[in-house]
Amino acid sequence: CIVLCLCLIPCFMLAAGCAKHKPEKTADELAAEG
């Protein structure tokens, strides 16, 4: 259980980071802008 928790911590941190840095624009918008 301890090992599993230690393995899952980076995943939760990554998910939190992705949520925090959610792309500001969609792919369509960036393609049109570029």
PDB file of all heavy atoms in Angstrom:
ATOM      1  N   CYS A   1       0.833  -1.207   0.000  1.00  0.00           N
ATOM      2  CA  CYS A   1       0.000   0.000   0.000  1.00  0.00           C
ATOM      3  C   CYS A   1       0.865   1.253   0.000  1.00  0.00           C
ATOM      4  O   CYS A   1       0.568   2.244  -0.677  1.00  0.00           O
ATOM      5  CB  CYS A   1      -0.929  -0.008   1.216  1.00  0.00           C
ATOM      6  SG  CYS A   1      -2.197  -1.287   1.126  1.00  0.00           S
ATOM      7  N   ILE A   2       1.962   1.188   0.786  1.00  0.00           N
ATOM      8  CA  ILE A   2       2.860   2.348   0.833  1.00  0.00           C
ATOM      9  C   ILE A   2       3.494   2.600  -0.527  1.00  0.00           C
ATOM     10  O   ILE A   2       3.555   3.729  -1.022  1.00  0.00           O
ATOM     11  CB  ILE A   2       3.937   2.125   1.912  1.00  0.00           C
ATOM     12  CG1 ILE A   2       3.297   2.115   3.304  1.00  0.00           C
ATOM     13  CG2 ILE A   2       5.011   3.211   1.831  1.00  0.00           C
ATOM     14  CD1 ILE A   2       4.255   1.729   4.413  1.00  0.00           C
ATOM     15  N   VAL A   3       3.982   1.511  -1.151  1.00  0.00           N
ATOM     16  CA  VAL A   3       4.606   1.641  -2.470  1.00  0.00           C
ATOM     17  C   VAL A   3       3.616   2.162  -3.497  1.00  0.00           C
ATOM     18  O   VAL A   3       3.920   3.014  -4.322  1.00  0.00           O
ATOM     19  CB  VAL A   3       5.191   0.284  -2.928  1.00  0.00           C
ATOM     20  CG1 VAL A   3       5.668   0.370  -4.374  1.00  0.00           C
ATOM     21  CG2 VAL A   3       6.319  -0.140  -2.005  1.00  0.00           C
ATOM     22  N   LEU A   4       2.382   1.648  -3.416  1.00  0.00           N
ATOM     23  CA  LEU A   4       1.360   2.087  -4.356  1.00  0.00           C
ATOM     24  C   LEU A   4       1.083   3.569  -4.195  1.00  0.00           C
ATOM     25  O   LEU A   4       0.960   4.311  -5.178  1.00  0.00           O
ATOM     26  CB  LEU A   4       0.069   1.284  -4.143  1.00  0.00           C
ATOM     27  CG  LEU A   4      -1.109   1.643  -5.057  1.00  0.00           C
ATOM     28  CD1 LEU A   4      -0.721   1.388  -6.516  1.00  0.00           C
ATOM     29  CD2 LEU A   4      -2.337   0.818  -4.681  1.00  0.00           C
ATOM     30  N   CYS A   5       1.003   4.027  -2.945  1.00  0.00           N
ATOM     31  CA  CYS A   5       0.757   5.450  -2.686  1.00  0.00           C
ATOM     32  C   CYS A   5       1.899   6.302  -3.223  1.00  0.00           C
ATOM     33  O   CYS A   5       1.681   7.362  -3.832  1.00  0.00           O
ATOM     34  CB  CYS A   5       0.586   5.694  -1.190  1.00  0.00           C
ATOM     35  SG  CYS A   5      -0.962   5.028  -0.537  1.00  0.00           S
ATOM     36  N   LEU A   6       3.137   5.835  -3.008  1.00  0.00           N
ATOM     37  CA  LEU A   6       4.290   6.580  -3.493  1.00  0.00           C
ATOM     38  C   LEU A   6       4.299   6.668  -5.016  1.00  0.00           C
ATOM     39  O   LEU A   6       4.717   7.664  -5.599  1.00  0.00           O
ATOM     40  CB  LEU A   6       5.585   5.918  -3.002  1.00  0.00           C
ATOM     41  CG  LEU A   6       5.861   6.033  -1.495  1.00  0.00           C
ATOM     42  CD1 LEU A   6       7.082   5.200  -1.116  1.00  0.00           C
ATOM     43  CD2 LEU A   6       6.064   7.490  -1.088  1.00  0.00           C
ATOM     44  N   CYS A   7       3.835   5.619  -5.671  1.00  0.00           N
ATOM     45  CA  CYS A   7       3.779   5.616  -7.138  1.00  0.00           C
ATOM     46  C   CYS A   7       2.678   6.532  -7.658  1.00  0.00           C
ATOM     47  O   CYS A   7       2.802   7.141  -8.725  1.00  0.00           O
ATOM     48  CB  CYS A   7       3.553   4.195  -7.659  1.00  0.00           C
ATOM     49  SG  CYS A   7       4.949   3.099  -7.397  1.00  0.00           S
ATOM     50  N   LEU A   8       1.601   6.630  -6.903  1.00  0.00           N
ATOM     51  CA  LEU A   8       0.462   7.424  -7.355  1.00  0.00           C
ATOM     52  C   LEU A   8       0.657   8.911  -7.112  1.00  0.00           C
ATOM     53  O   LEU A   8       0.048   9.735  -7.806  1.00  0.00           O
ATOM     54  CB  LEU A   8      -0.814   6.951  -6.665  1.00  0.00           C
ATOM     55  CG  LEU A   8      -1.341   5.587  -7.095  1.00  0.00           C
ATOM     56  CD1 LEU A   8      -2.530   5.186  -6.237  1.00  0.00           C
ATOM     57  CD2 LEU A   8      -1.734   5.611  -8.580  1.00  0.00           C
ATOM     58  N   ILE A   9       1.500   9.268  -6.152  1.00  0.00           N
ATOM     59  CA  ILE A   9       1.695  10.690  -5.840  1.00  0.00           C
ATOM     60  C   ILE A   9       2.132  11.491  -7.065  1.00  0.00           C
ATOM     61  O   ILE A   9       1.557  12.541  -7.367  1.00  0.00           O
ATOM     62  CB  ILE A   9       2.700  10.852  -4.680  1.00  0.00           C
ATOM     63  CG1 ILE A   9       2.029  10.463  -3.367  1.00  0.00           C
ATOM     64  CG2 ILE A   9       3.202  12.298  -4.587  1.00  0.00           C
ATOM     65  CD1 ILE A   9       2.999  10.404  -2.180  1.00  0.00           C
ATOM     66  N   PRO A  10       3.161  11.031  -7.833  1.00  0.00           N
ATOM     67  CA  PRO A  10       3.547  11.801  -9.027  1.00  0.00           C
ATOM     68  C   PRO A  10       2.397  11.932 -10.011  1.00  0.00           C
ATOM     69  O   PRO A  10       2.270  12.952 -10.701  1.00  0.00           O
ATOM     70  CB  PRO A  10       4.713  10.993  -9.614  1.00  0.00           C
ATOM     71  CG  PRO A  10       5.250  10.212  -8.469  1.00  0.00           C
ATOM     72  CD  PRO A  10       4.064   9.876  -7.629  1.00  0.00           C
ATOM     73  N   CYS A  11       1.573  10.910 -10.138  1.00  0.00           N
ATOM     74  CA  CYS A  11       0.441  10.971 -11.067  1.00  0.00           C
ATOM     75  C   CYS A  11      -0.541  12.051 -10.657  1.00  0.00           C
ATOM     76  O   CYS A  11      -1.043  12.812 -11.481  1.00  0.00           O
ATOM     77  CB  CYS A  11      -0.251   9.608 -11.136  1.00  0.00           C
ATOM     78  SG  CYS A  11       0.796   8.287 -11.768  1.00  0.00           S
ATOM     79  N   PHE A  12      -0.821  12.111  -9.336  1.00  0.00           N
ATOM     80  CA  PHE A  12      -1.734  13.144  -8.857  1.00  0.00           C
ATOM     81  C   PHE A  12      -1.144  14.537  -9.062  1.00  0.00           C
ATOM     82  O   PHE A  12      -1.842  15.481  -9.418  1.00  0.00           O
ATOM     83  CB  PHE A  12      -2.050  12.914  -7.372  1.00  0.00           C
ATOM     84  CG  PHE A  12      -2.912  11.720  -7.113  1.00  0.00           C
ATOM     85  CD1 PHE A  12      -2.568  10.789  -6.138  1.00  0.00           C
ATOM     86  CD2 PHE A  12      -4.078  11.502  -7.844  1.00  0.00           C
ATOM     87  CE1 PHE A  12      -3.359   9.680  -5.893  1.00  0.00           C
ATOM     88  CE2 PHE A  12      -4.869  10.383  -7.598  1.00  0.00           C
ATOM     89  CZ  PHE A  12      -4.516   9.474  -6.629  1.00  0.00           C
ATOM     90  N   MET A  13       0.177  14.640  -8.822  1.00  0.00           N
ATOM     91  CA  MET A  13       0.837  15.936  -9.005  1.00  0.00           C
ATOM     92  C   MET A  13       0.796  16.363 -10.458  1.00  0.00           C
ATOM     93  O   MET A  13       0.567  17.522 -10.787  1.00  0.00           O
ATOM     94  CB  MET A  13       2.290  15.844  -8.526  1.00  0.00           C
ATOM     95  CG  MET A  13       2.427  15.665  -7.017  1.00  0.00           C
ATOM     96  SD  MET A  13       4.150  15.476  -6.502  1.00  0.00           S
ATOM     97  CE  MET A  13       4.798  17.087  -6.959  1.00  0.00           C
ATOM     98  N   LEU A  14       1.032  15.397 -11.394  1.00  0.00           N
ATOM     99  CA  LEU A  14       0.977  15.691 -12.820  1.00  0.00           C
ATOM    100  C   LEU A  14      -0.414  16.117 -13.226  1.00  0.00           C
ATOM    101  O   LEU A  14      -0.600  17.076 -13.986  1.00  0.00           O
ATOM    102  CB  LEU A  14       1.424  14.460 -13.626  1.00  0.00           C
ATOM    103  CG  LEU A  14       1.418  14.608 -15.140  1.00  0.00           C
ATOM    104  CD1 LEU A  14       2.369  15.722 -15.578  1.00  0.00           C
ATOM    105  CD2 LEU A  14       1.810  13.296 -15.816  1.00  0.00           C
ATOM    106  N   ALA A  15      -1.422  15.407 -12.724  1.00  0.00           N
ATOM    107  CA  ALA A  15      -2.795  15.746 -13.069  1.00  0.00           C
ATOM    108  C   ALA A  15      -3.153  17.131 -12.558  1.00  0.00           C
ATOM    109  O   ALA A  15      -3.804  17.929 -13.243  1.00  0.00           O
ATOM    110  CB  ALA A  15      -3.749  14.707 -12.475  1.00  0.00           C
ATOM    111  N   ALA A  16      -2.685  17.444 -11.341  1.00  0.00           N
ATOM    112  CA  ALA A  16      -2.952  18.766 -10.786  1.00  0.00           C
ATOM    113  C   ALA A  16      -2.261  19.849 -11.599  1.00  0.00           C
ATOM    114  O   ALA A  16      -2.816  20.912 -11.862  1.00  0.00           O
ATOM    115  CB  ALA A  16      -2.473  18.816  -9.330  1.00  0.00           C
ATOM    116  N   GLY A  17      -1.023  19.532 -12.031  1.00  0.00           N
ATOM    117  CA  GLY A  17      -0.300  20.496 -12.861  1.00  0.00           C
ATOM    118  C   GLY A  17      -0.980  20.742 -14.176  1.00  0.00           C
ATOM    119  O   GLY A  17      -1.084  21.867 -14.658  1.00  0.00           O
ATOM    120  N   CYS A  18      -1.482  19.675 -14.800  1.00  0.00           N
ATOM    121  CA  CYS A  18      -2.177  19.810 -16.079  1.00  0.00           C
ATOM    122  C   CYS A  18      -3.452  20.634 -15.921  1.00  0.00           C
ATOM    123  O   CYS A  18      -3.800  21.444 -16.772  1.00  0.00           O
ATOM    124  CB  CYS A  18      -2.508  18.429 -16.653  1.00  0.00           C
ATOM    125  SG  CYS A  18      -1.054  17.514 -17.190  1.00  0.00           S
ATOM    126  N   ALA A  19      -4.150  20.391 -14.793  1.00  0.00           N
ATOM    127  CA  ALA A  19      -5.381  21.150 -14.555  1.00  0.00           C
ATOM    128  C   ALA A  19      -5.063  22.620 -14.342  1.00  0.00           C
ATOM    129  O   ALA A  19      -5.788  23.505 -14.780  1.00  0.00           O
ATOM    130  CB  ALA A  19      -6.103  20.568 -13.343  1.00  0.00           C
ATOM    131  N   LYS A  20      -3.927  22.880 -13.637  1.00  0.00           N
ATOM    132  CA  LYS A  20      -3.539  24.248 -13.357  1.00  0.00           C
ATOM    133  C   LYS A  20      -3.119  24.965 -14.618  1.00  0.00           C
ATOM    134  O   LYS A  20      -3.317  26.165 -14.772  1.00  0.00           O
ATOM    135  CB  LYS A  20      -2.396  24.240 -12.347  1.00  0.00           C
ATOM    136  CG  LYS A  20      -1.985  25.630 -11.873  1.00  0.00           C
ATOM    137  CD  LYS A  20      -0.901  25.519 -10.825  1.00  0.00           C
ATOM    138  CE  LYS A  20      -0.444  26.910 -10.359  1.00  0.00           C
ATOM    139  NZ  LYS A  20       0.619  26.822  -9.345  1.00  0.00           N
ATOM    140  N   HIS A  21      -2.474  24.233 -15.550  1.00  0.00           N
ATOM    141  CA  HIS A  21      -1.966  24.820 -16.790  1.00  0.00           C
ATOM    142  C   HIS A  21      -2.807  24.363 -17.979  1.00  0.00           C
ATOM    143  O   HIS A  21      -2.284  23.953 -19.007  1.00  0.00           O
ATOM    144  CB  HIS A  21      -0.491  24.439 -16.990  1.00  0.00           C
ATOM    145  CG  HIS A  21       0.407  24.946 -15.914  1.00  0.00           C
ATOM    146  ND1 HIS A  21       0.726  24.207 -14.806  1.00  0.00           N
ATOM    147  CD2 HIS A  21       1.039  26.145 -15.765  1.00  0.00           C
ATOM    148  CE1 HIS A  21       1.534  24.911 -14.018  1.00  0.00           C
ATOM    149  NE2 HIS A  21       1.735  26.091 -14.575  1.00  0.00           N
ATOM    150  N   LYS A  22      -4.057  24.409 -17.835  1.00  0.00           N
ATOM    151  CA  LYS A  22      -4.960  24.032 -18.916  1.00  0.00           C
ATOM    152  C   LYS A  22      -4.750  24.969 -20.106  1.00  0.00           C
ATOM    153  O   LYS A  22      -4.662  26.185 -19.921  1.00  0.00           O
ATOM    154  CB  LYS A  22      -6.412  24.108 -18.446  1.00  0.00           C
ATOM    155  CG  LYS A  22      -7.413  23.634 -19.483  1.00  0.00           C
ATOM    156  CD  LYS A  22      -8.827  23.682 -18.938  1.00  0.00           C
ATOM    157  CE  LYS A  22      -9.831  23.229 -19.986  1.00  0.00           C
ATOM    158  NZ  LYS A  22     -11.221  23.274 -19.466  1.00  0.00           N
ATOM    159  N   PRO A  23      -4.630  24.423 -21.323  1.00  0.00           N
ATOM    160  CA  PRO A  23      -4.418  25.271 -22.496  1.00  0.00           C
ATOM    161  C   PRO A  23      -5.446  26.395 -22.584  1.00  0.00           C
ATOM    162  O   PRO A  23      -6.632  26.182 -22.357  1.00  0.00           O
ATOM    163  CB  PRO A  23      -4.566  24.285 -23.654  1.00  0.00           C
ATOM    164  CG  PRO A  23      -4.173  22.969 -23.075  1.00  0.00           C
ATOM    165  CD  PRO A  23      -4.658  22.990 -21.663  1.00  0.00           C
ATOM    166  N   GLU A  24      -4.933  27.569 -22.913  1.00  0.00           N
ATOM    167  CA  GLU A  24      -5.791  28.749 -22.967  1.00  0.00           C
ATOM    168  C   GLU A  24      -6.649  28.782 -24.227  1.00  0.00           C
ATOM    169  O   GLU A  24      -7.693  29.439 -24.256  1.00  0.00           O
ATOM    170  CB  GLU A  24      -4.924  30.005 -22.902  1.00  0.00           C
ATOM    171  CG  GLU A  24      -4.058  30.077 -21.656  1.00  0.00           C
ATOM    172  CD  GLU A  24      -2.980  31.131 -21.759  1.00  0.00           C
ATOM    173  OE1 GLU A  24      -2.915  31.791 -22.827  1.00  0.00           O
ATOM    174  OE2 GLU A  24      -2.207  31.302 -20.806  1.00  0.00           O
ATOM    175  N   LYS A  25      -6.173  28.098 -25.274  1.00  0.00           N
ATOM    176  CA  LYS A  25      -6.880  28.128 -26.550  1.00  0.00           C
ATOM    177  C   LYS A  25      -7.031  26.713 -27.094  1.00  0.00           C
ATOM    178  O   LYS A  25      -6.234  25.826 -26.778  1.00  0.00           O
ATOM    179  CB  LYS A  25      -6.133  29.006 -27.559  1.00  0.00           C
ATOM    180  CG  LYS A  25      -6.019  30.458 -27.123  1.00  0.00           C
ATOM    181  CD  LYS A  25      -5.235  31.276 -28.131  1.00  0.00           C
ATOM    182  CE  LYS A  25      -5.113  32.722 -27.667  1.00  0.00           C
ATOM    183  NZ  LYS A  25      -4.337  33.541 -28.608  1.00  0.00           N
ATOM    184  N   THR A  26      -8.015  26.538 -27.938  1.00  0.00           N
ATOM    185  CA  THR A  26      -8.234  25.235 -28.552  1.00  0.00           C
ATOM    186  C   THR A  26      -7.272  25.045 -29.710  1.00  0.00           C
ATOM    187  O   THR A  26      -6.630  25.997 -30.183  1.00  0.00           O
ATOM    188  CB  THR A  26      -9.672  25.125 -29.069  1.00  0.00           C
ATOM    189  OG1 THR A  26      -9.845  26.051 -30.157  1.00  0.00           O
ATOM    190  CG2 THR A  26     -10.686  25.412 -27.970  1.00  0.00           C
ATOM    191  N   ALA A  27      -7.190  23.816 -30.191  1.00  0.00           N
ATOM    192  CA  ALA A  27      -6.337  23.527 -31.342  1.00  0.00           C
ATOM    193  C   ALA A  27      -6.799  24.317 -32.564  1.00  0.00           C
ATOM    194  O   ALA A  27      -5.979  24.835 -33.333  1.00  0.00           O
ATOM    195  CB  ALA A  27      -6.346  22.028 -31.633  1.00  0.00           C
ATOM    196  N   ASP A  28      -8.107  24.407 -32.754  1.00  0.00           N
ATOM    197  CA  ASP A  28      -8.641  25.170 -33.885  1.00  0.00           C
ATOM    198  C   ASP A  28      -8.212  26.632 -33.805  1.00  0.00           C
ATOM    199  O   ASP A  28      -7.816  27.236 -34.820  1.00  0.00           O
ATOM    200  CB  ASP A  28     -10.167  25.086 -33.903  1.00  0.00           C
ATOM    201  CG  ASP A  28     -10.673  23.715 -34.322  1.00  0.00           C
ATOM    202  OD1 ASP A  28      -9.911  22.975 -34.974  1.00  0.00           O
ATOM    203  OD2 ASP A  28     -11.820  23.382 -33.982  1.00  0.00           O
ATOM    204  N   GLU A  29      -8.302  27.196 -32.608  1.00  0.00           N
ATOM    205  CA  GLU A  29      -7.945  28.599 -32.438  1.00  0.00           C
ATOM    206  C   GLU A  29      -6.461  28.839 -32.688  1.00  0.00           C
ATOM    207  O   GLU A  29      -6.076  29.819 -33.348  1.00  0.00           O
ATOM    208  CB  GLU A  29      -8.324  29.056 -31.026  1.00  0.00           C
ATOM    209  CG  GLU A  29      -9.821  29.163 -30.799  1.00  0.00           C
ATOM    210  CD  GLU A  29     -10.176  29.410 -29.347  1.00  0.00           C
ATOM    211  OE1 GLU A  29      -9.381  29.031 -28.456  1.00  0.00           O
ATOM    212  OE2 GLU A  29     -11.261  29.969 -29.096  1.00  0.00           O
ATOM    213  N   LEU A  30      -5.624  27.952 -32.183  1.00  0.00           N
ATOM    214  CA  LEU A  30      -4.182  28.104 -32.383  1.00  0.00           C
ATOM    215  C   LEU A  30      -3.790  27.926 -33.844  1.00  0.00           C
ATOM    216  O   LEU A  30      -2.912  28.630 -34.354  1.00  0.00           O
ATOM    217  CB  LEU A  30      -3.425  27.102 -31.512  1.00  0.00           C
ATOM    218  CG  LEU A  30      -3.412  27.420 -30.016  1.00  0.00           C
ATOM    219  CD1 LEU A  30      -2.872  26.240 -29.226  1.00  0.00           C
ATOM    220  CD2 LEU A  30      -2.569  28.664 -29.741  1.00  0.00           C
ATOM    221  N   ALA A  31      -4.450  26.983 -34.534  1.00  0.00           N
ATOM    222  CA  ALA A  31      -4.170  26.775 -35.952  1.00  0.00           C
ATOM    223  C   ALA A  31      -4.542  28.017 -36.753  1.00  0.00           C
ATOM    224  O   ALA A  31      -3.780  28.468 -37.635  1.00  0.00           O
ATOM    225  CB  ALA A  31      -4.930  25.559 -36.464  1.00  0.00           C
ATOM    226  N   ALA A  32      -5.699  28.599 -36.460  1.00  0.00           N
ATOM    227  CA  ALA A  32      -6.141  29.805 -37.161  1.00  0.00           C
ATOM    228  C   ALA A  32      -5.233  30.987 -36.837  1.00  0.00           C
ATOM    229  O   ALA A  32      -4.865  31.773 -37.718  1.00  0.00           O
ATOM    230  CB  ALA A  32      -7.588  30.127 -36.782  1.00  0.00           C
ATOM    231  N   GLU A  33      -4.849  31.088 -35.578  1.00  0.00           N
ATOM    232  CA  GLU A  33      -3.976  32.173 -35.146  1.00  0.00           C
ATOM    233  C   GLU A  33      -2.604  32.075 -35.815  1.00  0.00           C
ATOM    234  O   GLU A  33      -2.065  33.071 -36.324  1.00  0.00           O
ATOM    235  CB  GLU A  33      -3.820  32.107 -33.630  1.00  0.00           C
ATOM    236  CG  GLU A  33      -2.926  33.178 -33.031  1.00  0.00           C
ATOM    237  CD  GLU A  33      -2.809  32.998 -31.527  1.00  0.00           C
ATOM    238  OE1 GLU A  33      -1.893  32.253 -31.078  1.00  0.00           O
ATOM    239  OE2 GLU A  33      -3.637  33.593 -30.805  1.00  0.00           O
ATOM    240  N   GLY A  34      -2.042  30.862 -35.815  1.00  0.00           N
ATOM    241  CA  GLY A  34      -0.738  30.670 -36.439  1.00  0.00           C
ATOM    242  C   GLY A  34      -0.757  30.997 -37.915  1.00  0.00           C
ATOM    243  O   GLY A  34       0.159  31.647 -38.436  1.00  0.00           O
TER     244      GLY A  34
END
